Amino acid sequence: PCLTPKSSRMTDFWIYLKIGFEHVLNLNGYDHLLFLMALTVPYAAKDWKRLLLLVSLFTLGHTLSLFLAVLEIITVKPSIIEFLIPITICMAALFNIIRAGKSGKQDSITFVGAVTLFFGLIHGLGFSNYFNHLLPGEASDKMLPMLEFALGIEGAQICIVLLVLLIGFIFKTLFRFNQRDFVLIFSAFVLGTIVTGK
């Protein structure tokens, strides 16, 4: 967007919040959607506390890497990030397939949380390349917009998680899918989408 010096701070807040929100929900860049789907499908609504923790760790990871990249403390070639992001999604989907039939809450929260945080760091570097192109200039001028951008990302993530939980509820109540079949089908969908690139 074209931002002028006369833009109010509140207007800027909504602009960057909206950009972050729409960046996640952009179907042309669906990798974030697929990762969140893979993260969510092993859980039911009753597991919301554990799921909220995992989503928060993912957010923490990508916000931290976004912060470090904007400050130019770390720099990674976009081609490397573009290679790593699909790998994180495939690993999450394969983990679900291997663990299908077992509740997500049976997995070690320390292990799953650490992996989710690490994957968040990788995904955040992908956001950083986009954000730096969006707002060139001094790092000090990017701090507040970056936080607003990250807040928009978090809002979109929560919407996606709620949608996946709702879809899971519909499939398991109306269509009588058991948890194992639901996890297998949706994880295979995620994996297939990444592998075929469609």
Protein backbone atom coordinates (compact mmCIF):
# COMPACT_ATOMS: atom_id res chain seq x y z
CA PRO A 1 0.00 0.00 0.00
CA CYS A 2 1.01 3.61 -0.51
CA LEU A 3 1.57 5.14 2.90
CA THR A 4 2.00 8.89 3.25
CA PRO A 5 3.51 10.81 6.18
CA LYS A 6 0.01 12.15 6.86
CA SER A 7 -1.35 8.69 7.57
CA SER A 8 -2.58 8.44 11.13
CA ARG A 9 -1.04 5.87 13.43
CA MET A 10 -4.42 4.17 13.86
CA THR A 11 -4.85 3.98 10.09
CA ASP A 12 -1.37 2.48 9.77
CA PHE A 13 -2.23 -0.05 12.48
CA TRP A 14 -5.24 -1.34 10.53
CA ILE A 15 -3.30 -1.32 7.28
CA TYR A 16 -0.52 -3.57 8.58
CA LEU A 17 -2.94 -5.73 10.56
CA LYS A 18 -4.94 -6.29 7.36
CA ILE A 19 -1.80 -7.03 5.33
CA GLY A 20 -0.67 -9.67 7.87
CA PHE A 21 -4.15 -11.20 7.99
CA GLU A 22 -4.51 -11.36 4.21
CA HIS A 23 -0.94 -12.63 3.73
CA VAL A 24 -1.77 -15.81 5.65
CA LEU A 25 -5.16 -16.28 3.99
CA ASN A 26 -3.82 -15.71 0.48
CA LEU A 27 -4.67 -18.89 -1.41
CA ASN A 28 -1.85 -18.24 -3.86
CA GLY A 29 0.59 -18.78 -1.00
CA TYR A 30 -1.16 -21.61 0.78
CA ASP A 31 1.85 -23.11 2.59
CA HIS A 32 0.96 -21.42 5.87
CA LEU A 33 -2.61 -22.70 5.63
CA LEU A 34 -1.39 -26.25 5.05
CA PHE A 35 0.99 -26.18 8.00
CA LEU A 36 -1.74 -24.94 10.34
CA MET A 37 -4.07 -27.64 9.04
CA ALA A 38 -1.43 -30.30 9.74
CA LEU A 39 -0.84 -28.83 13.19
CA THR A 40 -4.54 -28.79 14.08
CA VAL A 41 -6.04 -32.04 12.71
CA PRO A 42 -4.77 -34.36 15.49
CA TYR A 43 -6.77 -32.34 18.03
CA ALA A 44 -10.40 -31.81 18.95
CA ALA A 45 -12.03 -28.73 20.42
CA LYS A 46 -11.62 -30.19 23.93
CA ASP A 47 -7.84 -30.02 23.43
CA TRP A 48 -7.97 -26.26 22.87
CA LYS A 49 -5.47 -25.41 25.63
CA ARG A 50 -2.74 -27.62 24.16
CA LEU A 51 -3.53 -26.46 20.64
CA LEU A 52 -3.47 -22.81 21.72
CA LEU A 53 -0.04 -23.39 23.25
CA LEU A 54 1.28 -24.91 20.01
CA VAL A 55 -0.15 -22.12 17.86
CA SER A 56 1.34 -19.55 20.26
CA LEU A 57 4.76 -21.24 20.02
CA PHE A 58 4.50 -21.18 16.25
CA THR A 59 3.60 -17.47 16.41
CA LEU A 60 6.48 -16.80 18.80
CA GLY A 61 8.88 -18.54 16.42
CA HIS A 62 7.89 -16.66 13.30
CA THR A 63 7.63 -13.31 15.13
CA LEU A 64 11.13 -13.80 16.57
CA SER A 65 12.67 -14.66 13.21
CA LEU A 66 10.81 -11.77 11.58
CA PHE A 67 12.24 -9.45 14.25
CA LEU A 68 15.80 -10.78 13.80
CA ALA A 69 15.59 -10.55 10.02
CA VAL A 70 14.21 -7.00 10.06
CA LEU A 71 17.10 -5.96 12.33
CA GLU A 72 19.43 -7.80 9.92
CA ILE A 73 20.79 -9.93 12.76
CA ILE A 74 20.18 -12.98 10.60
CA THR A 75 19.91 -13.18 6.84
CA VAL A 76 18.95 -16.26 4.87
CA LYS A 77 18.61 -16.57 1.12
CA PRO A 78 14.95 -16.70 0.05
CA SER A 79 15.67 -19.81 -2.03
CA ILE A 80 16.72 -21.70 1.11
CA ILE A 81 13.56 -20.69 2.97
CA GLU A 82 11.41 -21.63 -0.03
CA PHE A 83 13.06 -25.05 0.10
CA LEU A 84 12.69 -25.53 3.87
CA ILE A 85 9.06 -24.44 4.30
CA PRO A 86 7.58 -27.32 2.24
CA ILE A 87 9.81 -29.73 4.17
CA THR A 88 8.35 -28.54 7.50
CA ILE A 89 4.84 -29.09 6.16
CA CYS A 90 5.66 -32.57 4.85
CA MET A 91 7.23 -33.51 8.18
CA ALA A 92 4.16 -32.35 10.11
CA ALA A 93 1.82 -34.27 7.78
CA LEU A 94 3.97 -37.44 7.88
CA PHE A 95 4.13 -37.25 11.68
CA ASN A 96 0.32 -37.15 11.75
CA ILE A 97 0.05 -40.13 9.41
CA ILE A 98 2.50 -42.18 11.47
CA ARG A 99 0.69 -41.22 14.68
CA ALA A 100 -2.83 -41.57 13.26
CA GLY A 101 -5.22 -43.23 15.69
CA LYS A 102 -3.51 -41.69 18.69
CA SER A 103 -4.68 -38.48 20.28
CA GLY A 104 -2.39 -35.53 19.71
CA LYS A 105 -2.35 -34.93 23.45
CA GLN A 106 -0.51 -38.24 23.93
CA ASP A 107 2.57 -36.80 22.25
CA SER A 108 5.22 -35.13 24.38
CA ILE A 109 4.33 -31.46 24.56
CA THR A 110 8.03 -30.63 25.00
CA PHE A 111 8.98 -32.38 21.76
CA VAL A 112 6.00 -31.19 19.70
CA GLY A 113 6.31 -27.68 21.15
CA ALA A 114 10.03 -27.44 20.36
CA VAL A 115 9.50 -28.65 16.79
CA THR A 116 6.57 -26.24 16.32
CA LEU A 117 8.69 -23.34 17.60
CA PHE A 118 11.51 -24.29 15.23
CA PHE A 119 9.11 -24.55 12.28
CA GLY A 120 7.74 -21.13 13.26
CA LEU A 121 11.25 -19.69 12.99
CA ILE A 122 11.55 -21.02 9.44
CA HIS A 123 8.13 -19.75 8.36
CA GLY A 124 8.87 -16.36 9.91
CA LEU A 125 11.91 -15.95 7.68
CA GLY A 126 9.59 -16.35 4.72
CA PHE A 127 7.44 -13.53 6.11
CA SER A 128 10.54 -11.37 6.63
CA ASN A 129 11.43 -11.36 2.93
CA TYR A 130 7.90 -10.26 2.10
CA PHE A 131 7.83 -7.66 4.87
CA ASN A 132 11.18 -6.09 3.92
CA HIS A 133 9.97 -5.67 0.34
CA LEU A 134 6.73 -4.20 1.65
CA LEU A 135 8.43 -1.64 3.89
CA PRO A 136 11.99 -0.76 2.83
CA GLY A 137 13.99 1.64 4.95
CA GLU A 138 15.57 1.83 8.38
CA ALA A 139 15.00 -1.07 10.79
CA SER A 140 13.89 1.34 13.54
CA ASP A 141 11.00 2.49 11.35
CA LYS A 142 9.83 -1.09 10.85
CA MET A 143 9.41 -2.21 14.47
CA LEU A 144 5.85 -1.06 15.11
CA PRO A 145 4.53 -2.00 11.65
CA MET A 146 6.21 -5.41 12.10
CA LEU A 147 4.31 -6.04 15.34
CA GLU A 148 1.06 -4.96 13.70
CA PHE A 149 1.81 -7.24 10.75
CA ALA A 150 2.53 -10.12 13.18
CA LEU A 151 -0.73 -9.44 15.02
CA GLY A 152 -2.61 -9.76 11.74
CA ILE A 153 -0.84 -13.06 11.08
CA GLU A 154 -1.86 -14.35 14.51
CA GLY A 155 -5.48 -13.35 13.98
CA ALA A 156 -5.57 -15.21 10.68
CA GLN A 157 -3.97 -18.27 12.27
CA ILE A 158 -6.63 -18.41 14.98
CA CYS A 159 -9.34 -18.23 12.30
CA ILE A 160 -7.74 -21.12 10.40
CA VAL A 161 -7.42 -23.27 13.52
CA LEU A 162 -11.07 -22.65 14.44
CA LEU A 163 -12.14 -23.53 10.89
CA VAL A 164 -10.17 -26.80 10.92
CA LEU A 165 -11.67 -27.71 14.31
CA LEU A 166 -15.15 -26.98 12.93
CA ILE A 167 -14.50 -29.12 9.86
CA GLY A 168 -13.26 -31.90 12.12
CA PHE A 169 -16.40 -31.65 14.24
CA ILE A 170 -18.62 -31.86 11.15
CA PHE A 171 -16.76 -34.83 9.69
CA LYS A 172 -16.75 -36.73 13.00
CA THR A 173 -20.36 -36.07 13.95
CA LEU A 174 -22.35 -35.74 10.72
CA PHE A 175 -20.28 -38.04 8.50
CA ARG A 176 -19.25 -40.43 11.31
CA PHE A 177 -15.52 -40.28 10.58
CA ASN A 178 -13.38 -41.59 13.41
CA GLN A 179 -10.38 -39.57 14.55
CA ARG A 180 -7.87 -41.86 12.84
CA ASP A 181 -9.55 -41.61 9.41
CA PHE A 182 -9.97 -37.85 9.72
CA VAL A 183 -6.28 -37.37 10.53
CA LEU A 184 -5.18 -39.72 7.73
CA ILE A 185 -7.36 -38.09 5.06
CA PHE A 186 -6.48 -34.50 5.85
CA SER A 187 -2.79 -35.19 6.46
CA ALA A 188 -2.63 -37.07 3.16
CA PHE A 189 -4.33 -34.09 1.49
CA VAL A 190 -1.72 -31.73 2.96
CA LEU A 191 1.13 -34.01 1.93
CA GLY A 192 -0.24 -34.54 -1.55
CA THR A 193 -0.75 -30.82 -2.10
CA ILE A 194 2.85 -30.05 -1.15
CA VAL A 195 4.37 -32.92 -3.15
CA THR A 196 2.38 -32.15 -6.32
CA GLY A 197 2.68 -28.41 -5.88
CA LYS A 198 -1.04 -27.88 -6.54
